[in-house]
């Protein structure tokens, strides 16, 4: 809603980019980025928004496979990439300073998920934390 109210109509395939709005709406662009990536980070199981994934491991094996590979975690990561590259553009993302924060969050997620996966003795939690680290 915020993005639409700022730009009128904007899509991932728009040639315009959001750079035209940088001077007047820096804070709003940063907020929109945070909201978009935050929502997708839940889907991608990034720390600290990863808590749902280990609890979802009680599901049957076909459902777990769907959660890990196809329907949830990977599309969340893909969505974050689309926001950075296709909606904002790498130059605008760097200009807003959001890429550093996102890189730190991704690094924490990788390290935390890997360490938690190594510490697990059962297969299901190990797979869940491994998925978190590799999402």
N, C-alpha and C. Protein backbone atom coordinates (compact mmCIF):
# COMPACT_ATOMS: atom_id res chain seq x y z
N UNK A 1 0.83 -1.18 0.00
CA UNK A 1 0.00 0.00 0.00
C UNK A 1 0.88 1.25 0.00
N UNK A 2 1.94 1.23 0.81
CA UNK A 2 2.84 2.38 0.84
C UNK A 2 3.51 2.61 -0.50
N UNK A 3 3.98 1.54 -1.10
CA UNK A 3 4.64 1.65 -2.40
C UNK A 3 3.67 2.18 -3.45
N UNK A 4 2.46 1.67 -3.44
CA UNK A 4 1.46 2.12 -4.40
C UNK A 4 1.09 3.58 -4.16
N UNK A 5 0.97 3.97 -2.89
CA UNK A 5 0.62 5.36 -2.62
C UNK A 5 1.74 6.32 -3.00
N UNK A 6 2.98 5.84 -2.98
CA UNK A 6 4.11 6.69 -3.36
C UNK A 6 4.27 6.78 -4.88
N UNK A 7 4.14 5.66 -5.57
CA UNK A 7 4.47 5.62 -7.00
C UNK A 7 3.27 5.59 -7.92
N UNK A 8 2.10 5.36 -7.39
CA UNK A 8 0.93 5.18 -8.25
C UNK A 8 0.81 3.72 -8.60
N UNK A 9 1.49 3.30 -9.64
CA UNK A 9 1.52 1.89 -9.99
C UNK A 9 2.95 1.53 -10.34
N UNK A 10 3.49 0.56 -9.64
CA UNK A 10 4.87 0.16 -9.87
C UNK A 10 4.96 -1.35 -9.78
N UNK A 11 5.70 -1.95 -10.68
CA UNK A 11 5.84 -3.39 -10.67
C UNK A 11 7.31 -3.76 -10.74
N UNK A 12 7.58 -5.04 -10.57
CA UNK A 12 8.95 -5.53 -10.63
C UNK A 12 9.57 -5.29 -12.00
N UNK A 13 8.76 -5.27 -13.02
CA UNK A 13 9.28 -5.13 -14.37
C UNK A 13 9.30 -3.68 -14.85
N UNK A 14 9.03 -2.74 -13.97
CA UNK A 14 9.01 -1.34 -14.36
C UNK A 14 10.40 -0.86 -14.75
N UNK A 15 10.48 -0.11 -15.83
CA UNK A 15 11.76 0.42 -16.30
C UNK A 15 12.19 1.67 -15.53
N UNK A 16 11.24 2.32 -14.87
CA UNK A 16 11.51 3.59 -14.20
C UNK A 16 12.44 3.45 -13.01
N UNK A 17 12.23 2.46 -12.19
CA UNK A 17 12.98 2.34 -10.94
C UNK A 17 12.44 3.30 -9.91
N UNK A 18 12.95 3.19 -8.72
CA UNK A 18 12.50 4.04 -7.63
C UNK A 18 13.48 5.16 -7.33
N UNK A 19 14.55 5.28 -8.11
CA UNK A 19 15.56 6.30 -7.89
C UNK A 19 15.04 7.72 -7.95
N UNK A 20 13.98 7.95 -8.72
CA UNK A 20 13.40 9.29 -8.84
C UNK A 20 12.82 9.79 -7.52
N UNK A 21 12.48 8.86 -6.63
CA UNK A 21 11.84 9.22 -5.37
C UNK A 21 12.84 9.37 -4.22
N UNK A 22 14.12 9.15 -4.49
CA UNK A 22 15.12 9.12 -3.43
C UNK A 22 15.25 10.44 -2.69
N UNK A 23 15.35 11.55 -3.40
CA UNK A 23 15.59 12.84 -2.75
C UNK A 23 14.46 13.26 -1.82
N UNK A 24 13.22 13.02 -2.23
CA UNK A 24 12.08 13.49 -1.44
C UNK A 24 11.56 12.46 -0.45
N UNK A 25 11.85 11.18 -0.67
CA UNK A 25 11.20 10.13 0.12
C UNK A 25 12.18 9.07 0.61
N UNK A 26 13.37 9.46 1.02
CA UNK A 26 14.39 8.51 1.46
C UNK A 26 13.88 7.63 2.61
N UNK A 27 13.31 8.24 3.63
CA UNK A 27 12.81 7.49 4.78
C UNK A 27 11.69 6.53 4.42
N UNK A 28 10.78 6.98 3.57
CA UNK A 28 9.67 6.14 3.16
C UNK A 28 10.16 4.97 2.31
N UNK A 29 11.11 5.21 1.42
CA UNK A 29 11.68 4.11 0.63
C UNK A 29 12.37 3.08 1.52
N UNK A 30 13.06 3.55 2.54
CA UNK A 30 13.71 2.63 3.47
C UNK A 30 12.68 1.82 4.25
N UNK A 31 11.61 2.48 4.69
CA UNK A 31 10.54 1.78 5.40
C UNK A 31 9.88 0.74 4.50
N UNK A 32 9.58 1.10 3.27
CA UNK A 32 8.96 0.15 2.33
C UNK A 32 9.88 -1.04 2.11
N UNK A 33 11.18 -0.78 1.94
CA UNK A 33 12.14 -1.86 1.77
C UNK A 33 12.13 -2.78 2.99
N UNK A 34 12.16 -2.20 4.18
CA UNK A 34 12.17 -3.00 5.41
C UNK A 34 10.91 -3.85 5.53
N UNK A 35 9.77 -3.29 5.19
CA UNK A 35 8.52 -4.05 5.27
C UNK A 35 8.48 -5.18 4.25
N UNK A 36 8.88 -4.88 3.01
CA UNK A 36 8.89 -5.92 1.98
C UNK A 36 9.86 -7.05 2.34
N UNK A 37 11.08 -6.68 2.68
CA UNK A 37 12.09 -7.70 3.00
C UNK A 37 11.75 -8.39 4.30
N UNK A 38 11.19 -7.67 5.27
CA UNK A 38 10.79 -8.30 6.52
C UNK A 38 9.74 -9.38 6.32
N UNK A 39 8.76 -9.10 5.50
CA UNK A 39 7.74 -10.10 5.20
C UNK A 39 8.32 -11.31 4.48
N UNK A 40 9.20 -11.05 3.56
CA UNK A 40 9.84 -12.15 2.84
C UNK A 40 10.85 -12.89 3.71
N UNK A 41 11.44 -12.20 4.68
CA UNK A 41 12.40 -12.84 5.58
C UNK A 41 11.71 -13.88 6.47
N UNK A 42 10.46 -13.65 6.80
CA UNK A 42 9.70 -14.66 7.54
C UNK A 42 9.58 -15.91 6.68
N UNK A 43 9.24 -15.72 5.44
CA UNK A 43 9.09 -16.84 4.51
C UNK A 43 10.42 -17.54 4.27
N UNK A 44 11.52 -16.77 4.23
CA UNK A 44 12.85 -17.33 4.01
C UNK A 44 13.48 -17.87 5.29
N UNK A 45 12.81 -17.73 6.41
CA UNK A 45 13.26 -18.22 7.72
C UNK A 45 14.59 -17.59 8.14
N UNK A 46 14.70 -16.29 7.96
CA UNK A 46 15.91 -15.59 8.41
C UNK A 46 15.81 -15.31 9.91
N UNK A 47 16.94 -15.37 10.60
CA UNK A 47 17.00 -15.06 12.02
C UNK A 47 16.71 -13.58 12.17
N UNK A 48 15.90 -13.14 13.07
CA UNK A 48 15.19 -13.83 14.16
C UNK A 48 13.77 -14.26 13.80
N UNK A 49 13.44 -14.32 12.55
CA UNK A 49 12.08 -14.65 12.12
C UNK A 49 11.95 -16.11 11.69
N UNK A 50 12.80 -16.96 12.19
CA UNK A 50 12.90 -18.36 11.76
C UNK A 50 12.15 -19.33 12.65
N UNK A 51 11.59 -18.89 13.75
CA UNK A 51 11.04 -19.78 14.77
C UNK A 51 9.99 -20.76 14.28
N UNK A 52 9.29 -20.42 13.23
CA UNK A 52 8.23 -21.31 12.73
C UNK A 52 8.78 -22.57 12.08
N UNK A 53 9.97 -22.51 11.51
CA UNK A 53 10.46 -23.65 10.72
C UNK A 53 10.77 -24.88 11.57
N UNK A 54 11.52 -24.77 12.67
CA UNK A 54 11.73 -25.99 13.48
C UNK A 54 10.43 -26.57 14.03
N UNK A 55 9.47 -25.71 14.35
CA UNK A 55 8.18 -26.22 14.84
C UNK A 55 7.38 -26.89 13.74
N UNK A 56 7.62 -26.54 12.49
CA UNK A 56 6.90 -27.14 11.37
C UNK A 56 7.43 -28.53 11.03
N UNK A 57 8.52 -28.91 11.66
CA UNK A 57 9.11 -30.22 11.36
C UNK A 57 8.28 -31.38 11.88
N UNK A 58 7.23 -31.15 12.64
CA UNK A 58 6.37 -32.24 13.10
C UNK A 58 5.46 -32.73 11.98
N UNK A 59 5.42 -32.01 10.90
CA UNK A 59 4.57 -32.38 9.76
C UNK A 59 5.11 -33.66 9.10
N UNK A 60 4.27 -34.34 8.35
CA UNK A 60 4.73 -35.53 7.62
C UNK A 60 5.82 -35.17 6.60
N UNK A 61 6.60 -36.16 6.20
CA UNK A 61 7.75 -35.96 5.31
C UNK A 61 7.42 -35.21 4.02
N UNK A 62 6.34 -35.53 3.31
CA UNK A 62 6.05 -34.79 2.08
C UNK A 62 5.80 -33.30 2.33
N UNK A 63 5.15 -32.97 3.44
CA UNK A 63 4.89 -31.58 3.77
C UNK A 63 6.19 -30.88 4.12
N UNK A 64 7.07 -31.55 4.87
CA UNK A 64 8.37 -30.97 5.21
C UNK A 64 9.18 -30.69 3.96
N UNK A 65 9.17 -31.61 3.03
CA UNK A 65 9.92 -31.41 1.79
C UNK A 65 9.39 -30.20 1.03
N UNK A 66 8.09 -30.05 1.03
CA UNK A 66 7.47 -28.90 0.38
C UNK A 66 7.87 -27.60 1.07
N UNK A 67 7.89 -27.61 2.41
CA UNK A 67 8.29 -26.42 3.16
C UNK A 67 9.73 -26.03 2.85
N UNK A 68 10.60 -27.01 2.78
CA UNK A 68 12.02 -26.72 2.62
C UNK A 68 12.39 -26.34 1.20
N UNK A 69 11.90 -27.06 0.25
CA UNK A 69 12.45 -26.91 -1.08
C UNK A 69 11.65 -26.01 -2.01
N UNK A 70 10.35 -26.14 -2.01
CA UNK A 70 9.59 -25.56 -3.09
C UNK A 70 8.71 -24.39 -2.68
N UNK A 71 7.92 -24.58 -1.67
CA UNK A 71 6.82 -23.65 -1.44
C UNK A 71 7.14 -22.47 -0.53
N UNK A 72 8.10 -22.60 0.35
CA UNK A 72 8.23 -21.55 1.36
C UNK A 72 9.60 -20.91 1.39
N UNK A 73 10.62 -21.63 1.78
CA UNK A 73 11.91 -21.03 2.08
C UNK A 73 12.58 -20.45 0.84
N UNK A 74 12.70 -21.20 -0.20
CA UNK A 74 13.37 -20.70 -1.41
C UNK A 74 12.62 -19.55 -2.08
N UNK A 75 11.29 -19.60 -2.19
CA UNK A 75 10.60 -18.43 -2.75
C UNK A 75 10.77 -17.17 -1.91
N UNK A 76 10.92 -17.32 -0.60
CA UNK A 76 11.18 -16.16 0.25
C UNK A 76 12.51 -15.52 -0.08
N UNK A 77 13.53 -16.35 -0.24
CA UNK A 77 14.85 -15.83 -0.61
C UNK A 77 14.82 -15.23 -2.02
N UNK A 78 14.10 -15.88 -2.93
CA UNK A 78 13.97 -15.35 -4.28
C UNK A 78 13.25 -13.99 -4.27
N UNK A 79 12.23 -13.87 -3.43
CA UNK A 79 11.50 -12.61 -3.33
C UNK A 79 12.39 -11.48 -2.83
N UNK A 80 13.27 -11.77 -1.88
CA UNK A 80 14.20 -10.75 -1.40
C UNK A 80 15.12 -10.30 -2.53
N UNK A 81 15.60 -11.24 -3.31
CA UNK A 81 16.44 -10.88 -4.46
C UNK A 81 15.68 -10.03 -5.46
N UNK A 82 14.42 -10.36 -5.69
CA UNK A 82 13.61 -9.56 -6.63
C UNK A 82 13.41 -8.14 -6.13
N UNK A 83 13.20 -7.97 -4.83
CA UNK A 83 13.04 -6.63 -4.26
C UNK A 83 14.32 -5.84 -4.45
N UNK A 84 15.47 -6.45 -4.16
CA UNK A 84 16.74 -5.74 -4.25
C UNK A 84 17.08 -5.41 -5.70
N UNK A 85 17.05 -6.38 -6.57
CA UNK A 85 17.54 -6.18 -7.93
C UNK A 85 16.50 -5.61 -8.88
N UNK A 86 15.27 -6.09 -8.80
CA UNK A 86 14.28 -5.71 -9.79
C UNK A 86 13.40 -4.53 -9.38
N UNK A 87 13.10 -4.40 -8.11
CA UNK A 87 12.23 -3.32 -7.68
C UNK A 87 13.04 -2.07 -7.32
N UNK A 88 14.02 -2.24 -6.46
CA UNK A 88 14.82 -1.09 -6.02
C UNK A 88 16.03 -0.86 -6.91
N UNK A 89 16.66 -1.92 -7.34
CA UNK A 89 17.92 -1.78 -8.07
C UNK A 89 19.06 -1.75 -7.07
N UNK A 90 20.18 -2.31 -7.47
CA UNK A 90 21.30 -2.41 -6.54
C UNK A 90 21.85 -1.05 -6.17
N UNK A 91 21.86 -0.10 -7.10
CA UNK A 91 22.40 1.24 -6.80
C UNK A 91 21.57 1.95 -5.74
N UNK A 92 20.25 1.90 -5.88
CA UNK A 92 19.38 2.55 -4.90
C UNK A 92 19.46 1.83 -3.55
N UNK A 93 19.55 0.52 -3.57
CA UNK A 93 19.66 -0.24 -2.32
C UNK A 93 20.93 0.13 -1.57
N UNK A 94 22.02 0.27 -2.29
CA UNK A 94 23.28 0.69 -1.67
C UNK A 94 23.17 2.12 -1.17
N UNK A 95 22.58 2.99 -1.96
CA UNK A 95 22.40 4.39 -1.57
C UNK A 95 21.58 4.54 -0.29
N UNK A 96 20.58 3.69 -0.13
CA UNK A 96 19.76 3.73 1.08
C UNK A 96 20.46 3.10 2.28
N UNK A 97 21.50 2.33 2.04
CA UNK A 97 22.24 1.69 3.12
C UNK A 97 21.60 0.42 3.64
N UNK A 98 20.69 -0.16 2.89
CA UNK A 98 19.99 -1.35 3.37
C UNK A 98 20.73 -2.64 3.04
N UNK A 99 21.66 -2.60 2.11
CA UNK A 99 22.36 -3.82 1.73
C UNK A 99 23.30 -4.30 2.84
N UNK A 100 23.90 -3.37 3.57
CA UNK A 100 24.79 -3.76 4.66
C UNK A 100 24.00 -4.44 5.78
N UNK A 101 22.87 -3.87 6.13
CA UNK A 101 22.03 -4.45 7.17
C UNK A 101 21.55 -5.84 6.74
N UNK A 102 21.17 -5.97 5.50
CA UNK A 102 20.70 -7.26 4.99
C UNK A 102 21.83 -8.28 4.95
N UNK A 103 23.04 -7.85 4.59
CA UNK A 103 24.19 -8.75 4.58
C UNK A 103 24.52 -9.23 5.98
N UNK A 104 24.44 -8.36 6.96
CA UNK A 104 24.69 -8.75 8.35
C UNK A 104 23.63 -9.74 8.81
N UNK A 105 22.37 -9.47 8.51
CA UNK A 105 21.28 -10.39 8.89
C UNK A 105 21.45 -11.75 8.23
N UNK A 106 21.84 -11.76 6.96
CA UNK A 106 22.07 -13.03 6.26
C UNK A 106 23.25 -13.79 6.86
N UNK A 107 24.30 -13.08 7.22
CA UNK A 107 25.47 -13.72 7.83
C UNK A 107 25.13 -14.33 9.18
N UNK A 108 24.38 -13.60 9.98
CA UNK A 108 23.95 -14.13 11.27
C UNK A 108 23.08 -15.36 11.08
N UNK A 109 22.19 -15.32 10.10
CA UNK A 109 21.33 -16.46 9.82
C UNK A 109 22.14 -17.69 9.41
N UNK A 110 23.12 -17.50 8.56
CA UNK A 110 23.96 -18.62 8.11
C UNK A 110 24.73 -19.23 9.27
N UNK A 111 25.37 -18.39 10.06
CA UNK A 111 26.19 -18.89 11.18
C UNK A 111 25.30 -19.53 12.25
N UNK A 112 24.24 -18.85 12.63
CA UNK A 112 23.35 -19.38 13.66
C UNK A 112 22.73 -20.71 13.23
N UNK A 113 22.20 -20.76 12.03
CA UNK A 113 21.59 -22.00 11.54
C UNK A 113 22.57 -23.14 11.47
N UNK A 114 23.78 -22.85 11.02
CA UNK A 114 24.81 -23.90 10.92
C UNK A 114 25.20 -24.42 12.29
N UNK A 115 25.43 -23.51 13.24
CA UNK A 115 25.82 -23.94 14.59
C UNK A 115 24.70 -24.72 15.27
N UNK A 116 23.47 -24.28 15.10
CA UNK A 116 22.36 -25.02 15.68
C UNK A 116 22.17 -26.37 15.01
N UNK A 117 22.40 -26.46 13.71
CA UNK A 117 22.28 -27.74 13.01
C UNK A 117 23.33 -28.72 13.49
N UNK A 118 24.54 -28.26 13.67
CA UNK A 118 25.61 -29.14 14.15
C UNK A 118 25.31 -29.65 15.55
N UNK A 119 24.67 -28.83 16.37
CA UNK A 119 24.40 -29.21 17.77
C UNK A 119 23.24 -30.18 17.91
N UNK A 120 22.45 -30.38 16.88
CA UNK A 120 21.27 -31.25 16.98
C UNK A 120 21.68 -32.71 16.93
N UNK A 121 20.97 -33.54 17.71
CA UNK A 121 21.23 -34.98 17.69
C UNK A 121 20.17 -35.74 16.89
N UNK A 122 19.01 -35.10 16.67
CA UNK A 122 17.96 -35.75 15.89
C UNK A 122 17.93 -35.17 14.48
N UNK A 123 17.48 -35.98 13.54
CA UNK A 123 17.53 -35.61 12.14
C UNK A 123 16.59 -34.46 11.77
N UNK A 124 15.36 -34.48 12.27
CA UNK A 124 14.39 -33.45 11.88
C UNK A 124 14.83 -32.04 12.29
N UNK A 125 15.23 -31.83 13.55
CA UNK A 125 15.72 -30.48 13.89
C UNK A 125 16.99 -30.10 13.15
N UNK A 126 17.84 -31.07 12.90
CA UNK A 126 19.07 -30.77 12.14
C UNK A 126 18.73 -30.30 10.72
N UNK A 127 17.78 -30.96 10.10
CA UNK A 127 17.34 -30.56 8.76
C UNK A 127 16.72 -29.16 8.80
N UNK A 128 15.93 -28.88 9.83
CA UNK A 128 15.30 -27.56 9.94
C UNK A 128 16.35 -26.45 10.06
N UNK A 129 17.32 -26.63 10.94
CA UNK A 129 18.33 -25.59 11.12
C UNK A 129 19.28 -25.52 9.94
N UNK A 130 19.51 -26.64 9.29
CA UNK A 130 20.30 -26.61 8.06
C UNK A 130 19.59 -25.81 6.98
N UNK A 131 18.28 -25.99 6.90
CA UNK A 131 17.50 -25.21 5.93
C UNK A 131 17.55 -23.73 6.25
N UNK A 132 17.49 -23.38 7.53
CA UNK A 132 17.60 -21.98 7.94
C UNK A 132 18.91 -21.41 7.49
N UNK A 133 19.99 -22.15 7.69
CA UNK A 133 21.32 -21.63 7.33
C UNK A 133 21.54 -21.52 5.84
N UNK A 134 20.83 -22.32 5.07
CA UNK A 134 21.04 -22.32 3.61
C UNK A 134 19.95 -21.62 2.84
N UNK A 135 18.93 -21.10 3.54
CA UNK A 135 17.80 -20.44 2.88
C UNK A 135 18.23 -19.22 2.19
